Protein backbone atom coordinates (compact mmCIF):
# COMPACT_ATOMS: atom_id res chain seq x y z
CA MET A 1 18.54 69.00 35.95
CA ASN A 2 18.20 65.38 34.93
CA ARG A 3 14.67 65.75 33.63
CA PHE A 4 15.72 68.76 31.70
CA VAL A 5 18.61 66.90 29.97
CA ALA A 6 16.26 63.81 29.27
CA ARG A 7 13.64 66.14 27.56
CA SER A 8 16.38 67.89 25.55
CA LEU A 9 17.52 64.59 24.28
CA MET A 10 14.09 63.23 23.43
CA ARG A 11 13.23 66.55 21.59
CA GLY A 12 16.46 66.23 19.65
CA LEU A 13 15.72 62.79 18.63
CA ILE A 14 12.16 63.56 17.63
CA ASP A 15 13.32 66.70 15.52
CA GLY A 16 16.02 64.64 13.99
CA CYS A 17 13.53 61.92 12.92
CA GLU A 18 11.26 64.74 11.54
CA HIS A 19 13.97 66.29 9.62
CA SER A 20 15.06 62.93 8.09
CA ARG A 21 11.59 62.25 6.82
CA ARG A 22 11.20 65.52 4.95
CA GLY A 23 10.98 65.18 1.26
CA ILE A 24 10.60 61.44 1.40
CA SER A 25 7.27 59.75 0.38
CA THR A 26 5.94 57.54 3.30
CA VAL A 27 3.29 55.02 3.72
CA ARG A 28 1.64 55.15 7.20
CA GLU A 29 -0.35 52.31 8.80
CA HIS A 30 -2.47 53.09 11.72
CA GLN A 31 -3.72 50.42 14.06
CA SER A 32 -5.90 51.13 17.13
CA VAL A 33 -4.51 49.23 20.20
CA GLY A 34 -5.33 49.16 23.90
CA ALA A 35 -8.45 49.30 26.07
CA LEU A 36 -7.62 52.31 28.29
CA GLY A 37 -8.00 55.34 26.00
CA GLY A 38 -6.09 53.60 23.24
CA PHE A 39 -2.94 54.81 21.37
CA TYR A 40 -1.72 54.63 17.71
CA TRP A 41 1.54 53.32 16.29
CA THR A 42 2.92 54.49 12.98
CA ARG A 43 5.29 52.49 10.68
CA ALA A 44 7.13 54.64 8.29
CA MET A 45 8.50 53.28 5.09
CA SER A 46 11.14 55.22 3.03
CA SER A 47 9.62 54.52 -0.24
CA VAL A 48 6.75 52.62 -1.86
CA VAL A 49 7.96 49.29 -3.41
CA PRO A 50 6.12 48.44 -6.61
CA GLY A 51 3.93 45.35 -6.46
CA PRO A 52 4.93 42.11 -8.23
CA THR A 53 3.90 41.69 -11.84
CA THR A 54 1.47 38.97 -12.56
CA PRO A 55 3.09 36.26 -14.55
CA THR A 56 1.64 35.04 -17.91
CA VAL A 57 0.03 31.74 -18.46
CA SER A 58 3.05 30.32 -20.44
CA GLU A 59 5.36 31.50 -17.56
CA LYS A 60 3.17 29.66 -14.98
CA LYS A 61 3.39 26.54 -17.17
CA GLU A 62 7.12 26.69 -17.43
CA LYS A 63 7.62 27.29 -13.75
CA GLY A 64 5.19 24.32 -12.98
CA ALA A 65 7.14 22.06 -15.37
CA GLU A 66 10.40 22.97 -13.86
CA ALA A 67 9.09 22.43 -10.31
CA LYS A 68 7.68 19.04 -11.26
CA LYS A 69 10.86 18.02 -12.87
CA SER A 70 12.89 19.26 -9.90
CA ASP A 71 10.67 17.14 -7.51
CA GLU A 72 11.01 13.99 -9.53
CA THR A 73 14.77 14.20 -9.88
CA ALA A 74 15.39 15.48 -6.30
CA VAL A 75 17.26 13.04 -4.03
CA VAL A 76 16.92 13.47 -0.35
CA SER A 77 20.45 13.61 1.03
CA SER A 78 21.14 11.19 3.89
CA TYR A 79 23.74 11.44 6.47
CA TRP A 80 23.45 7.74 6.91
CA GLY A 81 24.16 7.07 3.20
CA VAL A 82 20.94 5.28 2.67
CA SER A 83 19.59 5.56 -0.97
CA ARG A 84 18.10 3.31 -3.55
CA PRO A 85 20.47 2.65 -6.57
CA ARG A 86 19.18 3.57 -9.97
CA ILE A 87 17.54 0.48 -11.47
CA LYS A 88 16.62 -0.07 -15.09
CA ARG A 89 14.43 -2.64 -16.90
CA GLU A 90 15.94 -5.07 -19.33
CA ASP A 91 15.15 -2.66 -22.20
CA GLY A 92 17.15 0.19 -20.48
CA THR A 93 14.22 2.24 -19.20
CA GLU A 94 14.02 3.47 -15.65
CA TRP A 95 12.47 0.99 -13.22
CA PRO A 96 9.19 2.85 -11.90
CA TRP A 97 8.24 0.83 -8.96
CA ASN A 98 9.51 1.12 -5.26
CA CYS A 99 7.15 -1.60 -3.92
CA PHE A 100 9.02 -4.47 -5.69
CA MET A 101 12.32 -4.80 -7.63
CA PRO A 102 12.95 -6.49 -11.03
CA TRP A 103 14.45 -9.57 -9.35
CA GLU A 104 11.17 -10.06 -7.52
CA SER A 105 9.06 -10.22 -10.74
CA TYR A 106 8.41 -13.62 -12.36
CA LYS A 107 6.47 -15.57 -14.87
CA ALA A 108 3.56 -17.31 -13.46
CA ASP A 109 3.49 -21.09 -13.75
CA LEU A 110 0.25 -21.66 -15.62
CA SER A 111 0.71 -25.44 -15.99
CA ILE A 112 -0.44 -26.05 -12.36
CA ASP A 113 -3.48 -28.18 -11.93
CA LEU A 114 -6.53 -26.00 -10.92
CA GLN A 115 -8.84 -28.99 -10.26
CA LYS A 116 -7.01 -30.26 -7.20
CA HIS A 117 -9.21 -30.56 -4.15
CA HIS A 118 -8.36 -31.80 -0.63
CA VAL A 119 -11.28 -34.05 0.47
CA PRO A 120 -12.02 -33.50 4.06
CA LYS A 121 -11.86 -36.62 5.96
CA VAL A 122 -10.83 -36.03 9.63
CA PHE A 123 -12.83 -33.88 12.01
CA LEU A 124 -10.45 -30.78 11.86
CA ASP A 125 -10.60 -30.95 7.90
CA LYS A 126 -14.37 -30.86 8.06
CA VAL A 127 -14.29 -27.95 10.41
CA ALA A 128 -12.10 -26.06 8.13
CA TYR A 129 -14.10 -26.89 4.99
CA ARG A 130 -17.37 -25.93 6.58
CA THR A 131 -15.95 -22.79 7.98
CA VAL A 132 -14.82 -21.64 4.51
CA LYS A 133 -18.15 -22.57 3.02
CA LEU A 134 -20.01 -20.44 5.60
CA LEU A 135 -17.78 -17.51 5.00
CA ARG A 136 -18.56 -17.73 1.30
CA ILE A 137 -22.25 -17.11 1.93
CA PRO A 138 -22.14 -13.37 2.89
CA THR A 139 -19.62 -12.81 0.13
CA ASP A 140 -21.97 -14.21 -2.45
CA ILE A 141 -24.88 -12.15 -1.18
CA PHE A 142 -22.92 -8.84 -1.03
CA PHE A 143 -20.88 -9.03 -4.31
CA LYS A 144 -23.01 -11.45 -6.38
CA ARG A 145 -21.29 -11.27 -9.79
CA ARG A 146 -19.22 -8.25 -9.25
CA TYR A 147 -15.98 -10.23 -9.47
CA GLY A 148 -13.69 -7.26 -9.59
CA CYS A 149 -14.85 -6.01 -6.23
CA ARG A 150 -14.98 -9.61 -4.86
CA ALA A 151 -11.50 -10.15 -5.90
CA MET A 152 -10.34 -6.97 -4.15
CA MET A 153 -12.02 -8.07 -0.96
CA LEU A 154 -10.61 -11.55 -1.32
CA GLU A 155 -7.13 -10.34 -1.58
CA THR A 156 -7.36 -8.10 1.58
CA VAL A 157 -8.26 -11.31 3.45
CA ALA A 158 -5.90 -13.69 1.67
CA ALA A 159 -2.87 -11.51 2.49
CA VAL A 160 -3.36 -11.96 6.26
CA PRO A 161 -2.55 -15.73 6.85
CA GLY A 162 0.99 -15.72 5.49
CA MET A 163 1.87 -12.69 7.61
CA VAL A 164 0.33 -14.13 10.80
CA GLY A 165 1.94 -17.53 10.24
CA GLY A 166 5.30 -15.96 9.34
CA MET A 167 5.21 -13.79 12.31
CA LEU A 168 4.37 -16.51 14.78
CA LEU A 169 6.90 -18.88 13.28
CA HIS A 170 9.53 -16.04 13.56
CA LEU A 171 8.76 -15.70 17.27
CA ARG A 172 8.89 -19.35 17.84
CA SER A 173 12.27 -19.60 16.20
CA LEU A 174 13.51 -16.73 18.49
CA ARG A 175 12.04 -18.43 21.58
CA LYS A 176 13.34 -21.95 20.93
CA PHE A 177 16.64 -21.02 19.23
CA GLU A 178 15.69 -23.20 16.21
CA HIS A 179 15.62 -22.96 12.57
CA SER A 180 12.28 -22.63 10.64
CA GLY A 181 13.13 -24.76 7.63
CA GLY A 182 12.56 -21.86 5.44
CA TRP A 183 8.80 -21.54 6.34
CA ILE A 184 8.97 -17.96 7.67
CA LYS A 185 10.21 -16.69 4.38
CA ALA A 186 7.78 -18.92 2.37
CA LEU A 187 4.75 -17.56 4.26
CA LEU A 188 5.88 -14.01 4.11
CA GLU A 189 6.34 -14.39 0.36
CA GLU A 190 2.89 -15.66 0.05
CA ALA A 191 1.58 -12.60 1.98
CA GLU A 192 3.63 -10.22 -0.22
CA ASN A 193 2.34 -12.04 -3.34
CA GLU A 194 -1.19 -11.61 -2.16
CA ARG A 195 -0.62 -8.03 -1.38
CA MET A 196 0.61 -7.43 -5.00
CA HIS A 197 -2.58 -9.11 -6.21
CA LEU A 198 -4.46 -6.41 -4.25
CA MET A 199 -2.40 -3.52 -5.59
CA THR A 200 -3.21 -4.78 -9.10
CA MET A 201 -6.94 -5.11 -8.35
CA VAL A 202 -7.09 -1.64 -6.96
CA GLU A 203 -5.73 -0.28 -10.26
CA LEU A 204 -8.69 -2.00 -12.00
CA VAL A 205 -11.46 -1.49 -9.50
CA LYS A 206 -11.63 1.74 -7.57
CA PRO A 207 -13.18 0.82 -4.17
CA LYS A 208 -16.00 2.85 -2.83
CA TRP A 209 -16.15 4.18 0.75
CA TYR A 210 -18.50 1.50 2.08
CA GLU A 211 -16.26 -1.20 0.49
CA ARG A 212 -13.22 0.32 2.30
CA LEU A 213 -15.17 0.37 5.50
CA LEU A 214 -16.11 -3.36 5.03
CA VAL A 215 -12.36 -4.15 4.36
CA LEU A 216 -11.53 -2.44 7.66
CA THR A 217 -14.12 -4.49 9.51
CA VAL A 218 -13.38 -7.90 7.86
CA GLN A 219 -9.60 -7.46 8.14
CA GLY A 220 -9.85 -6.62 11.92
CA VAL A 221 -12.08 -9.64 12.68
CA PHE A 222 -10.29 -12.10 10.41
CA PHE A 223 -6.73 -11.11 11.64
CA ASN A 224 -7.46 -11.68 15.23
CA ALA A 225 -9.51 -14.92 14.54
CA TYR A 226 -6.82 -16.40 12.42
CA PHE A 227 -4.14 -15.35 14.97
CA ILE A 228 -5.87 -17.30 17.69
CA ALA A 229 -6.66 -20.29 15.42
CA TYR A 230 -2.97 -20.53 14.52
CA LEU A 231 -1.85 -20.41 18.18
CA LEU A 232 -4.36 -23.14 19.06
CA SER A 233 -3.92 -25.30 16.00
CA PRO A 234 -1.51 -24.46 13.12
CA LYS A 235 -2.77 -27.62 11.15
CA LEU A 236 -6.39 -26.22 11.35
CA ALA A 237 -5.20 -22.74 10.35
CA HIS A 238 -3.37 -23.93 7.26
CA ARG A 239 -6.19 -26.27 6.20
CA ILE A 240 -8.57 -23.20 6.38
CA VAL A 241 -6.33 -21.27 4.01
CA GLY A 242 -5.95 -24.18 1.68
CA TYR A 243 -9.78 -24.28 1.31
CA LEU A 244 -9.96 -20.45 1.04
CA GLU A 245 -7.57 -20.67 -1.94
CA GLU A 246 -9.65 -23.41 -3.54
CA GLU A 247 -12.59 -20.86 -3.36
CA ALA A 248 -10.33 -18.16 -4.83
CA ILE A 249 -9.59 -20.34 -7.84
CA HIS A 250 -13.36 -20.87 -8.29
CA SER A 251 -14.13 -17.10 -8.08
CA TYR A 252 -11.35 -16.21 -10.52
CA THR A 253 -12.53 -18.88 -12.88
CA GLU A 254 -16.02 -17.29 -12.78
CA TYR A 255 -14.29 -13.89 -13.35
CA LEU A 256 -12.60 -15.28 -16.46
CA LYS A 257 -15.86 -16.58 -17.81
CA ASP A 258 -17.49 -13.17 -17.59
CA ILE A 259 -14.53 -11.57 -19.36
CA THR A 260 -14.68 -14.18 -22.05
CA SER A 261 -18.39 -13.71 -22.56
CA GLY A 262 -18.11 -10.03 -22.77
CA ALA A 263 -20.06 -9.31 -19.61
CA ILE A 264 -16.92 -7.55 -18.17
CA GLU A 265 -14.69 -5.56 -20.48
CA ASN A 266 -11.32 -7.10 -21.24
CA VAL A 267 -9.43 -3.78 -20.52
CA GLN A 268 -5.62 -3.20 -20.88
CA ALA A 269 -3.54 -4.75 -18.01
CA PRO A 270 -2.29 -2.26 -15.45
CA ALA A 271 1.49 -1.35 -15.84
CA ILE A 272 2.30 -2.80 -12.43
CA ALA A 273 0.91 -6.16 -13.35
CA ILE A 274 2.97 -6.22 -16.63
CA ASP A 275 6.12 -5.66 -14.81
CA TYR A 276 5.44 -7.94 -11.79
CA TRP A 277 4.35 -10.97 -13.87
CA LYS A 278 6.56 -10.21 -16.78
CA LEU A 279 3.53 -10.00 -19.01
CA PRO A 280 3.64 -8.80 -22.70
CA LYS A 281 3.12 -5.04 -23.25
CA ASP A 282 -0.25 -5.72 -24.83
CA ALA A 283 -1.49 -7.81 -21.98
CA THR A 284 -5.16 -7.52 -20.91
CA LEU A 285 -7.29 -8.03 -17.86
CA GLU A 286 -7.74 -11.73 -18.99
CA ASP A 287 -4.00 -12.31 -18.70
CA VAL A 288 -3.84 -10.70 -15.23
CA VAL A 289 -6.67 -12.74 -13.88
CA THR A 290 -5.11 -15.94 -15.31
CA VAL A 291 -1.77 -15.38 -13.65
CA ILE A 292 -3.37 -14.46 -10.35
CA ARG A 293 -5.44 -17.68 -10.41
CA ALA A 294 -2.33 -19.59 -10.90
CA ASP A 295 -0.86 -17.97 -7.92
CA GLU A 296 -3.82 -18.92 -5.86
CA ALA A 297 -3.39 -22.47 -6.89
CA HIS A 298 0.18 -22.48 -5.74
CA HIS A 299 -0.81 -21.04 -2.46
CA ARG A 300 -3.51 -23.79 -2.09
CA ASP A 301 -0.96 -26.49 -2.46
CA VAL A 302 1.57 -24.89 -0.02
CA ASN A 303 -1.08 -24.53 2.73
CA HIS A 304 -2.47 -28.02 2.28
CA PHE A 305 1.11 -29.36 2.38
CA ALA A 306 1.73 -27.52 5.63
CA ALA A 307 -1.42 -28.96 7.13
CA ASP A 308 -0.36 -32.36 5.97
CA ILE A 309 2.97 -32.01 7.77
CA HIS A 310 1.23 -31.04 11.02
CA PHE A 311 -1.27 -33.97 10.70
CA GLN A 312 1.69 -36.32 10.34
CA GLY A 313 2.77 -35.09 13.84
CA LYS A 314 5.89 -33.21 12.55
CA ASP A 315 6.86 -29.49 12.76
CA LEU A 316 7.06 -27.38 9.62
CA ARG A 317 10.89 -27.08 9.98
CA ASP A 318 11.12 -30.86 9.47
CA SER A 319 10.22 -30.45 5.81
CA PRO A 320 11.92 -27.86 3.64
CA ALA A 321 9.64 -25.01 2.65
CA PRO A 322 8.89 -24.27 -1.01
CA VAL A 323 10.46 -20.87 -0.93
CA GLY A 324 9.94 -18.95 -4.27
CA TYR A 325 6.94 -21.19 -5.09
CA HIS A 326 4.36 -18.70 -6.06
């Protein structure tokens, strides 16, 4: 009896479905499924939906422009209330950079003496001087007079010491519950300034894959070597950086000679350099290299000064740091 009722119900359902599909156009899709004999399933659609129309070229351009504008103006909502305020230049235009702010830009001090040199007298000074001279040999062989690529490589190395020194002084300040005399900030400022040099040079020189690989190798070796050197002898570490900056001044001077002679084209300065150093709108590569060289001279003085403090048997915190001295 139960089987008879079940069959009747099933037949009624089937007949009802067949009746409801009469007179309506259907689209059937058949798919073979199963390994044991197989079976077919059918999906019925009540009507055929017309396909989407192909947009014209002008419509595509309009949609693309709207999407781009939407992406540029979109602000990610934050539950935490974190957002960057809208910042403008002095002329009222929108500030385009997120990596530095208008109050971090400055005019380079070009009056600094580029000819200063620390004559190595004691043993550690001679070790630092000879180390830097040895490091210059493979650089000269690899880059020769390709000063744009040389500068790019130089900045990836030059931005390491300030970060290492600042980090270690920060940890020491935490361990010993003592002030740093402003040297943490001064060294981190140096590292950031060198990084901005690199960001500028990358705009001018597009590094090739093997140059990027070289940067990875050199940075890995130099970071660990300098980290150990700073732990063992901060005065040696700062003296090495002082001599490295002297070599940087020499390299940028040769760079300027090639620009002046026409061997290297004096192209338009990148926009990031114009805003960072407050250069005139018509600034050129020559102007950029000039201000970078001035920065390197300031870093030379700061690191030789730090080494002198240690050679006098004092800690850096005993002498106020030249914060903001680019």
